[in-house]
Every structure is written in C-alpha cells, then in structure tokens.
Amino acid sequence: MKCLLQIASVLALGIIGLAAASPTQQHAFVAPGTAPESGLYSSDRLIKLSETAQPQLMAMDDIFGLRRAGVRFIDITDAQELYQDSAASAAKNAPLPTSLTRGDDVRQTIDRLSTKLYGDVLTPFTAFHNRYYDSQNGKKSSEWLQQQIAQLVDDSSSFAATNVTVRAFGHKFPQSSIILRIEGSDPQHAQETVLLSAHQDSVNMWLPWFGRASGADDDGSGTVTILESLRALLAQGFAPTRSVEFHWYAGEEGGLLGSQDVALDYKRAGRSVVANLHFDMTGFWKKGSKEVIGLVSDRTDPEVRALVKSLAETYTRLKTSEFACGYGCSDHASWNQAGYRSAMAFESDELEANTFIHTPSDTVDTLDFDHMLEFSKLAVAFAYEVGYAK
C-alpha cells in the first residue's frame, strides 16, 4: 500500500501537473522523455555531501533519492580540479570598491526598473513542462531564454548595446548555460570581470526528467531579476570600465553542474573575476514575517557580503539578514570553490519558507513582483559600484 501511495504521489506531481497547463502554457510544451537524454548518468557520478566528507560514487537513482530526501549535494565528477588543495590560490581577484561613488547613475537606472518584464518572461518560461537540464525541455527552454536575452539587447537603442555579446556555454548534457558580456570600456580594466548570475533549470523532485516543474521561484525569479536589471542598465547607457557579465546557469539542480563548468573554465584561463553576486530565488517571502534580503553567510566572501549589505541599505528599501544555506546550496559555491569572491542574495532569511519549489505548484501567482524589484535594484547597484574600477 505504501508503494502504491508513493506511485500515486508521483503521478499527481508529474502527470496531473501537465494536465493543469493552460492553452497559453502548452505552446512551449515539449513531451517529457522516459529517461535522461545525454548518457550523463550511464555510469556512477562522484558526489560530495559536505565540505569534509570524501566524495562517493553514486548511481543515478541514488542521486535522485538525495534530492527527494532534501539532501543537498555537489556533483564534482567533471570538475574535480576545483576540489584540489591548490584551487583557491589559482584565482585572480581585482580590488573591490571601498566606498560607494555611483549613486546618481544607480538611482537614475533604478528609476527605469519595472515589474512588467517579470510576467512577460516568466509566463512562457514556466510553461515548459519542466526545464530539466538533461532533457529536450531543458535544451529548448535554454534556447528560448537566449533568444529573449538577445532580443532585449537588439531592442535597446543605447550605444551600450553595441558592446554586448551573448553566447551559449555548452555542457555534457543538452541544456546550455548562457553568458552575456558587456565589454569594459577601459583597456586597463576590461580584463577584470564582474559577474551577476542566476540558474535557469527547474526540477520535479519525484521524476526529474518527466514530472511537471514550472520553476517560477526556483529559479525563474532570479532569472528575470537579473534580466530586468540588464534591461534597465542598457537603457541607461551603462558603459562600465570593467567587463560585466550576466550568467544564467544550466544544471544547478544536478549538483551545480553548469556553474562548476564555467568557473573551472575561467580558472583554467586565468581570468580575473572581481566578484560574483548570485540570485537564486527572489520572489517569495512569508507574509507576516519581516521582509528582508537574505544574505548567505557560508561559502561566500565576507568582503562581498559587507559590500552587498551596504548596497542594499543604500539603494533598496530592505535591510539584509544573514543565514547559513548549507552545502551545495547554489552556484555561488562554485565560484567560491574556484577561489573567486562570491555572495548570494536570497528572497528571505528562511531557507525552507517556500514549500512549493520542485513541484508543479511553484507558479508565477505565488511570487511577489514588488519584492523581486528590490533584488533588481541590488543587481543594478552591484553592476555600477563594482563595474567601475576605482
């Protein structure tokens, strides 16, 4: 009987979730496959469960079992180089600002922000049956998102847009990460890169490649938070002296797969990364609790956290509140592991407040767009204050 109940729960989360899709949503639907696509899980993967634990080989079903049990993990199979003792010393960090000097630019750009893009992008983005990284849905949703990003750049009438490139960063699985780069205007500092990021994939905790996972908050919210900040920056004619990149990672739900690939690529190339600010879930907060910007305290850089706190208190209406996120929490950890400075902004200081994530119920109507707007303000402020070398 217990087995039958579990099967019924899986069907409810996966197939009934499909039936609930509206006609508008179904235009983006790709029929879910019966198994992962790429052969990524054809052999055991090397999984780390904590900072101190030795990695262990695990089969696909065991890895999916971790997810169902709510156990966070990092899949280091293809990024073992990041976990060598010398990894941190290999990174190059440029100086962070010691004071805030771009206030007029930041406030003028913040005035351009609105919540309209959130709904315009999230409605079709969450209409994909899921955005599971090792599936055709993951591939198609990534291609669609890259088209929206490229179109946003094309639609910008500012000179800043002429200095922008958008590219896919491929992985061993079908979904690509997306990297947009605004080239720095000062030749002496253009090689220094500032990163703002989110992850684009979604997952159903019961049937990752088959189940419905609209992923509005996790992490559709972060995806559009930085996209809206980019739109406003381009409209303002943003021309930083340092290069500023926006990243949308694939495969975060598989154990930080996409961001590890990108961080390892940058480390191998000796890239100078000033800092990374990551946005994973920005749209939900429990009404009745204190509305804050959550700052992840573990596996982040204290200097960047202090800067983000100052930016939030100067340029948004919210205070910050630090909390521990745990091992394998999100993609900021990949940059931290590579020796680069990183921080992560989160929708609240309660990690488990949103119980809808990884299910069909993580929908756009559960999000607070006005709350998300404060995170877009933070992204704008970070881009300006760190993007201009002092």
Protein backbone atom coordinates (compact mmCIF):
# COMPACT_ATOMS: atom_id res chain seq x y z
CA MET A 1 0.00 0.00 0.00
CA LYS A 2 2.83 2.42 0.85
CA CYS A 3 4.39 1.73 -2.55
CA LEU A 4 1.05 2.39 -4.27
CA LEU A 5 0.67 5.67 -2.41
CA GLN A 6 4.16 6.74 -3.46
CA ILE A 7 3.35 5.94 -7.09
CA ALA A 8 0.13 7.91 -6.82
CA SER A 9 2.05 10.87 -5.42
CA VAL A 10 4.50 10.72 -8.30
CA LEU A 11 1.68 10.65 -10.83
CA ALA A 12 0.00 13.57 -9.13
CA LEU A 13 3.16 15.64 -9.18
CA GLY A 14 4.13 14.74 -12.72
CA ILE A 15 1.16 13.93 -14.96
CA ILE A 16 -1.56 15.94 -13.21
CA GLY A 17 0.81 18.86 -13.28
CA LEU A 18 0.82 18.52 -17.06
CA ALA A 19 -2.96 18.43 -17.24
CA ALA A 20 -3.16 21.70 -15.33
CA ALA A 21 -1.27 23.61 -18.01
CA SER A 22 -3.37 26.26 -19.73
CA PRO A 23 -3.65 26.53 -23.55
CA THR A 24 -1.31 29.53 -23.37
CA GLN A 25 1.26 27.46 -21.48
CA GLN A 26 1.11 24.49 -23.80
CA HIS A 27 2.67 26.34 -26.74
CA ALA A 28 6.07 25.85 -25.08
CA PHE A 29 5.49 22.23 -24.09
CA VAL A 30 7.90 19.52 -25.20
CA ALA A 31 6.73 16.00 -24.42
CA PRO A 32 8.76 14.66 -21.47
CA GLY A 33 11.06 11.77 -22.23
CA THR A 34 11.14 8.44 -20.49
CA ALA A 35 14.75 8.80 -19.31
CA PRO A 36 17.56 11.37 -19.16
CA GLU A 37 18.88 12.33 -22.58
CA SER A 38 22.66 12.56 -22.66
CA GLY A 39 24.11 9.46 -21.05
CA LEU A 40 25.40 11.68 -18.24
CA TYR A 41 24.20 9.05 -15.77
CA SER A 42 25.24 5.97 -17.73
CA SER A 43 27.99 5.46 -15.16
CA ASP A 44 28.25 6.39 -11.49
CA ARG A 45 28.87 10.03 -10.60
CA LEU A 46 31.24 11.41 -7.94
CA ILE A 47 29.13 13.14 -5.29
CA LYS A 48 30.14 15.28 -2.31
CA LEU A 49 27.69 15.66 0.57
CA SER A 50 29.66 18.03 2.77
CA GLU A 51 32.84 20.09 2.94
CA THR A 52 34.71 17.42 4.90
CA ALA A 53 33.16 14.22 3.55
CA GLN A 54 35.04 12.20 0.98
CA PRO A 55 33.28 12.12 -2.41
CA GLN A 56 31.48 8.87 -3.18
CA LEU A 57 30.41 7.19 -6.39
CA MET A 58 26.65 7.11 -6.74
CA ALA A 59 24.25 5.78 -9.37
CA MET A 60 21.52 7.95 -10.89
CA ASP A 61 18.72 6.51 -8.76
CA ASP A 62 20.70 7.14 -5.57
CA ILE A 63 21.38 10.74 -6.62
CA PHE A 64 17.70 11.32 -7.34
CA GLY A 65 16.98 9.80 -3.93
CA LEU A 66 19.13 12.50 -2.32
CA ARG A 67 17.02 15.15 -4.00
CA ARG A 68 13.76 13.56 -2.87
CA ALA A 69 15.11 13.42 0.68
CA GLY A 70 16.07 17.10 0.56
CA VAL A 71 19.81 16.36 0.86
CA ARG A 72 21.98 18.98 -0.83
CA PHE A 73 24.97 17.75 -2.78
CA ILE A 74 27.56 18.73 -5.36
CA ASP A 75 28.36 16.54 -8.35
CA ILE A 76 32.12 17.02 -8.81
CA THR A 77 32.63 14.32 -11.45
CA ASP A 78 33.65 16.71 -14.22
CA ALA A 79 35.13 19.43 -12.01
CA GLN A 80 37.47 17.56 -9.67
CA GLU A 81 40.21 20.07 -10.42
CA LEU A 82 38.25 22.66 -8.43
CA TYR A 83 38.50 20.48 -5.34
CA GLN A 84 42.26 20.15 -5.28
CA ASP A 85 44.02 21.94 -2.44
CA SER A 86 45.61 24.49 -4.76
CA ALA A 87 42.33 25.55 -6.41
CA ALA A 88 41.71 28.64 -4.33
CA SER A 89 45.19 30.07 -4.81
CA ALA A 90 44.87 29.93 -8.60
CA ALA A 91 42.18 32.63 -8.88
CA LYS A 92 42.88 36.30 -9.57
CA ASN A 93 40.80 38.86 -7.66
CA ALA A 94 40.78 42.56 -8.52
CA PRO A 95 40.06 45.14 -5.81
CA LEU A 96 36.53 45.77 -4.53
CA PRO A 97 35.28 49.34 -4.07
CA THR A 98 35.90 50.80 -0.62
CA SER A 99 33.18 53.44 -0.96
CA LEU A 100 30.00 53.94 -3.00
CA THR A 101 30.53 56.58 -5.68
CA ARG A 102 27.98 55.90 -8.45
CA GLY A 103 24.85 56.97 -6.61
CA ASP A 104 23.41 59.23 -9.32
CA ASP A 105 23.85 56.56 -12.02
CA VAL A 106 22.38 53.85 -9.81
CA ARG A 107 19.31 55.86 -8.85
CA GLN A 108 18.63 57.01 -12.41
CA THR A 109 18.81 53.40 -13.60
CA ILE A 110 16.64 52.15 -10.73
CA ASP A 111 14.01 54.65 -11.85
CA ARG A 112 13.84 52.72 -15.15
CA LEU A 113 13.03 49.41 -13.45
CA SER A 114 9.54 47.95 -13.58
CA THR A 115 7.86 44.61 -12.90
CA LYS A 116 6.42 44.22 -16.41
CA LEU A 117 9.23 42.05 -17.76
CA TYR A 118 8.83 39.60 -14.88
CA GLY A 119 5.41 38.47 -16.01
CA ASP A 120 6.14 38.80 -19.72
CA VAL A 121 9.08 36.38 -19.47
CA LEU A 122 8.01 34.13 -16.61
CA THR A 123 4.64 33.19 -18.10
CA PRO A 124 6.08 31.42 -21.18
CA PHE A 125 9.26 30.37 -19.35
CA THR A 126 7.28 28.45 -16.72
CA ALA A 127 5.06 26.97 -19.45
CA PHE A 128 7.76 24.49 -20.39
CA HIS A 129 6.73 21.22 -18.77
CA ASN A 130 9.99 21.44 -16.91
CA ARG A 131 13.44 22.89 -17.59
CA TYR A 132 15.32 19.76 -16.53
CA TYR A 133 18.92 20.12 -17.72
CA ASP A 134 19.30 16.59 -19.10
CA SER A 135 16.26 16.74 -21.38
CA GLN A 136 14.91 18.32 -24.53
CA ASN A 137 12.77 20.61 -22.38
CA GLY A 138 15.95 21.87 -20.75
CA LYS A 139 17.55 22.43 -24.14
CA LYS A 140 14.52 24.14 -25.68
CA SER A 141 13.91 26.37 -22.67
CA SER A 142 17.55 27.48 -22.69
CA GLU A 143 17.39 28.26 -26.40
CA TRP A 144 14.18 30.23 -25.83
CA LEU A 145 15.72 32.19 -22.95
CA GLN A 146 18.80 33.04 -25.00
CA GLN A 147 16.53 34.37 -27.75
CA GLN A 148 14.78 36.63 -25.23
CA ILE A 149 18.12 37.92 -23.94
CA ALA A 150 19.42 38.59 -27.45
CA GLN A 151 16.17 40.32 -28.40
CA LEU A 152 16.40 42.53 -25.31
CA VAL A 153 19.86 43.63 -26.43
CA ASP A 154 18.69 44.19 -30.01
CA ASP A 155 15.74 46.27 -28.79
CA SER A 156 17.99 48.57 -26.77
CA SER A 157 18.62 51.84 -28.57
CA SER A 158 21.61 52.77 -26.43
CA PHE A 159 25.22 52.75 -27.58
CA ALA A 160 25.98 50.39 -24.69
CA ALA A 161 24.22 47.55 -26.55
CA THR A 162 26.82 47.67 -29.34
CA ASN A 163 29.44 46.41 -26.89
CA VAL A 164 27.45 43.34 -25.81
CA THR A 165 27.85 39.69 -26.77
CA VAL A 166 25.53 36.79 -25.94
CA ARG A 167 26.64 33.18 -26.22
CA ALA A 168 25.73 29.68 -25.16
CA PHE A 169 28.20 27.77 -22.97
CA GLY A 170 27.80 24.07 -23.73
CA HIS A 171 27.95 21.16 -21.30
CA LYS A 172 27.86 17.35 -21.44
CA PHE A 173 24.07 17.50 -21.14
CA PRO A 174 21.56 19.14 -23.53
CA GLN A 175 20.92 22.40 -21.67
CA SER A 176 23.46 25.19 -22.18
CA SER A 177 24.39 27.97 -19.81
CA ILE A 178 24.06 31.49 -21.22
CA ILE A 179 26.69 34.22 -20.88
CA LEU A 180 26.12 37.87 -21.75
CA ARG A 181 29.18 40.11 -21.65
CA ILE A 182 29.32 43.90 -21.62
CA GLU A 183 32.91 44.67 -22.60
CA GLY A 184 34.73 47.06 -20.30
CA SER A 185 35.42 50.50 -21.75
CA ASP A 186 38.85 50.94 -20.13
CA PRO A 187 41.59 48.78 -21.72
CA GLN A 188 43.46 48.74 -18.41
CA HIS A 189 40.49 47.18 -16.59
CA ALA A 190 38.44 45.39 -19.26
CA GLN A 191 40.09 42.07 -18.36
CA GLU A 192 38.59 42.37 -14.86
CA THR A 193 35.15 40.75 -14.86
CA VAL A 194 32.14 41.36 -12.61
CA LEU A 195 29.56 38.55 -12.53
CA LEU A 196 25.82 38.61 -11.83
CA SER A 197 24.12 35.24 -12.07
CA ALA A 198 21.06 33.03 -11.64
CA HIS A 199 20.20 29.48 -12.70
CA GLN A 200 17.67 28.66 -15.40
CA ASP A 201 16.86 24.96 -14.86
CA SER A 202 14.00 23.51 -12.83
CA VAL A 203 13.33 20.04 -11.46
CA ASN A 204 10.48 17.91 -10.16
CA MET A 205 11.74 16.22 -7.00
CA TRP A 206 9.95 12.94 -7.81
CA LEU A 207 10.50 12.48 -11.55
CA PRO A 208 13.20 14.95 -12.63
CA TRP A 209 13.01 14.43 -16.40
CA PHE A 210 9.27 13.68 -16.61
CA GLY A 211 7.45 15.50 -13.81
CA ARG A 212 5.99 18.97 -14.08
CA ALA A 213 8.31 21.63 -12.66
CA SER A 214 7.23 25.14 -13.53
CA GLY A 215 10.10 26.63 -11.50
CA ALA A 216 8.69 30.15 -11.15
CA ASP A 217 10.57 30.95 -7.95
CA ASP A 218 13.33 28.34 -8.30
CA ASP A 219 14.87 29.95 -10.20
CA GLY A 220 12.69 31.73 -12.70
CA SER A 221 12.59 34.61 -10.24
CA GLY A 222 16.37 35.02 -10.19
CA THR A 223 16.48 34.62 -13.97
CA VAL A 224 14.18 37.59 -14.58
CA THR A 225 15.57 39.60 -11.66
CA ILE A 226 18.92 39.98 -13.38
CA LEU A 227 17.31 40.19 -16.84
CA GLU A 228 15.28 43.24 -15.77
CA SER A 229 18.38 44.84 -14.26
CA LEU A 230 20.17 44.27 -17.56
CA ARG A 231 17.32 45.88 -19.50
CA ALA A 232 17.46 48.99 -17.31
CA LEU A 233 21.26 49.19 -17.47
CA LEU A 234 21.29 49.08 -21.26
CA ALA A 235 18.52 51.68 -21.45
CA GLN A 236 20.62 53.95 -19.22
CA GLY A 237 23.67 53.59 -21.49
CA PHE A 238 25.69 51.55 -18.96
CA ALA A 239 29.38 51.60 -20.02
CA PRO A 240 31.47 50.14 -17.18
CA THR A 241 35.24 50.35 -17.16
CA ARG A 242 35.42 46.71 -16.12
CA SER A 243 33.65 43.99 -18.11
CA VAL A 244 30.32 42.96 -16.60
CA GLU A 245 28.81 39.55 -17.33
CA PHE A 246 25.36 38.12 -16.72
CA HIS A 247 25.23 34.33 -16.38
CA TRP A 248 22.23 32.01 -16.49
CA TYR A 249 23.47 28.57 -15.43
CA ALA A 250 22.28 25.18 -16.59
CA GLY A 251 22.20 22.14 -14.32
CA GLU A 252 22.21 23.76 -10.89
CA GLU A 253 19.66 21.19 -9.74
CA GLY A 254 22.04 18.39 -10.75
CA GLY A 255 24.64 19.47 -8.20
CA LEU A 256 25.94 22.82 -9.55
CA LEU A 257 26.93 21.23 -12.86
CA GLY A 258 26.78 24.28 -15.13
CA SER A 259 28.40 26.83 -12.84
CA GLN A 260 31.23 24.44 -11.99
CA ASP A 261 31.98 24.04 -15.71
CA VAL A 262 32.05 27.81 -16.19
CA ALA A 263 34.09 28.53 -13.05
CA LEU A 264 36.60 25.84 -13.98
CA ASP A 265 36.90 27.28 -17.49
CA TYR A 266 37.59 30.75 -16.09
CA LYS A 267 40.12 29.39 -13.57
CA ARG A 268 41.99 27.46 -16.22
CA ALA A 269 42.12 30.57 -18.41
CA GLY A 270 43.46 32.65 -15.51
CA ARG A 271 40.52 35.04 -15.75
CA SER A 272 40.40 37.92 -13.28
CA VAL A 273 36.97 37.92 -11.61
CA VAL A 274 36.31 40.81 -9.27
CA ALA A 275 33.30 39.18 -7.62
CA ASN A 276 30.14 37.17 -8.28
CA LEU A 277 26.70 38.06 -6.93
CA HIS A 278 24.26 35.19 -7.39
CA PHE A 279 20.45 35.36 -7.24
CA ASP A 280 18.71 32.05 -6.52
CA MET A 281 15.03 32.63 -5.63
CA THR A 282 13.94 36.24 -5.14
CA GLY A 283 10.15 36.11 -5.38
CA PHE A 284 8.64 34.52 -2.27
CA TRP A 285 8.52 35.62 1.33
CA LYS A 286 6.20 34.52 4.07
CA LYS A 287 3.63 37.21 4.76
CA GLY A 288 3.71 38.14 8.40
CA SER A 289 7.49 37.67 8.59
CA LYS A 290 9.98 40.51 8.24
CA GLU A 291 10.64 41.34 4.59
CA VAL A 292 14.42 41.29 4.06
CA ILE A 293 17.12 40.45 1.55
CA GLY A 294 18.67 37.21 2.75
CA LEU A 295 22.46 37.00 2.53
CA VAL A 296 24.04 33.57 2.56
CA SER A 297 26.78 33.51 5.18
CA ASP A 298 28.52 30.23 4.31
CA ARG A 299 30.77 29.58 1.30
CA THR A 300 30.72 33.26 0.49
CA ASP A 301 33.24 36.05 0.82
CA PRO A 302 32.86 38.37 3.86
CA GLU A 303 34.06 41.44 1.94
CA VAL A 304 31.49 40.90 -0.81
CA ARG A 305 28.77 40.27 1.78
CA ALA A 306 29.65 43.55 3.50
CA LEU A 307 29.51 45.36 0.16
CA VAL A 308 26.15 43.82 -0.74
CA LYS A 309 24.77 44.79 2.67
CA SER A 310 25.87 48.39 2.07
CA LEU A 311 24.37 48.38 -1.44
CA ALA A 312 21.06 47.02 -0.20
CA GLU A 313 20.76 49.52 2.63
CA THR A 314 21.72 52.41 0.33
CA TYR A 315 19.74 51.59 -2.81
CA THR A 316 16.79 49.36 -1.79
CA ARG A 317 14.02 49.68 0.81
CA LEU A 318 15.08 46.44 2.54
CA LYS A 319 17.62 45.51 5.18
CA THR A 320 19.73 42.37 4.88
CA SER A 321 19.74 39.35 7.17
CA GLU A 322 22.43 36.68 7.07
CA PHE A 323 21.72 32.96 7.33
CA ALA A 324 23.53 29.68 6.61
CA CYS A 325 22.41 27.94 3.45
CA GLY A 326 24.29 24.64 3.76
CA TYR A 327 26.49 22.59 1.49
CA GLY A 328 25.67 22.54 -2.21
CA CYS A 329 23.22 25.40 -1.74
CA SER A 330 23.62 27.14 -5.11
CA ASP A 331 26.00 28.30 -7.81
CA HIS A 332 27.84 30.94 -5.77
CA ALA A 333 29.60 27.95 -4.17
CA SER A 334 31.25 27.04 -7.48
CA TRP A 335 32.98 30.43 -7.67
CA ASN A 336 33.92 30.25 -4.02
CA GLN A 337 35.44 26.80 -4.59
CA ALA A 338 37.43 28.13 -7.55
CA GLY A 339 38.96 30.79 -5.31
CA TYR A 340 36.87 33.70 -6.55
CA ARG A 341 34.89 36.01 -4.28
CA SER A 342 31.16 35.37 -4.31
CA ALA A 343 27.95 36.18 -2.48
CA MET A 344 24.33 35.10 -2.80
CA ALA A 345 21.15 37.12 -2.31
CA PHE A 346 18.03 35.18 -1.34
CA GLU A 347 14.35 36.08 -1.02
CA SER A 348 14.30 35.84 2.79
CA ASP A 349 16.34 34.57 5.71
CA GLU A 350 14.22 31.40 5.91
CA LEU A 351 15.67 28.84 3.52
CA GLU A 352 12.68 26.49 3.56
CA ALA A 353 9.89 29.08 3.57
CA ASN A 354 8.71 28.31 0.03
CA THR A 355 7.32 24.77 0.15
CA PHE A 356 6.19 24.89 -3.49
CA ILE A 357 9.64 24.52 -5.07
CA HIS A 358 10.47 21.37 -7.06
CA THR A 359 6.73 20.72 -7.58
CA PRO A 360 4.10 21.84 -10.12
CA SER A 361 2.89 24.40 -7.55
CA ASP A 362 5.94 26.68 -7.96
CA THR A 363 3.92 29.04 -10.13
CA VAL A 364 4.01 32.72 -11.07
CA ASP A 365 0.97 33.59 -8.98
CA THR A 366 2.88 32.71 -5.78
CA LEU A 367 5.50 35.42 -6.41
CA ASP A 368 5.66 38.99 -5.12
CA PHE A 369 6.93 41.12 -8.02
CA ASP A 370 7.39 44.19 -5.82
CA HIS A 371 9.67 42.14 -3.58
CA MET A 372 11.63 40.96 -6.62
CA LEU A 373 12.10 44.55 -7.74
CA GLU A 374 14.30 45.22 -4.70
CA PHE A 375 16.65 42.48 -5.94
CA SER A 376 16.80 44.03 -9.41
CA LYS A 377 17.76 47.29 -7.70
CA LEU A 378 20.53 45.42 -5.88
CA ALA A 379 21.79 43.93 -9.16
CA VAL A 380 21.89 47.40 -10.77
CA ALA A 381 23.81 48.79 -7.80
CA PHE A 382 26.31 45.92 -7.85
CA ALA A 383 26.90 46.35 -11.59
CA TYR A 384 27.62 50.06 -11.24
CA GLU A 385 29.60 50.15 -8.00
CA VAL A 386 31.80 47.14 -8.85
CA GLY A 387 31.78 47.60 -12.62
CA TYR A 388 33.64 50.91 -12.47
CA ALA A 389 37.23 50.45 -11.31
CA LYS A 390 38.36 52.94 -8.65
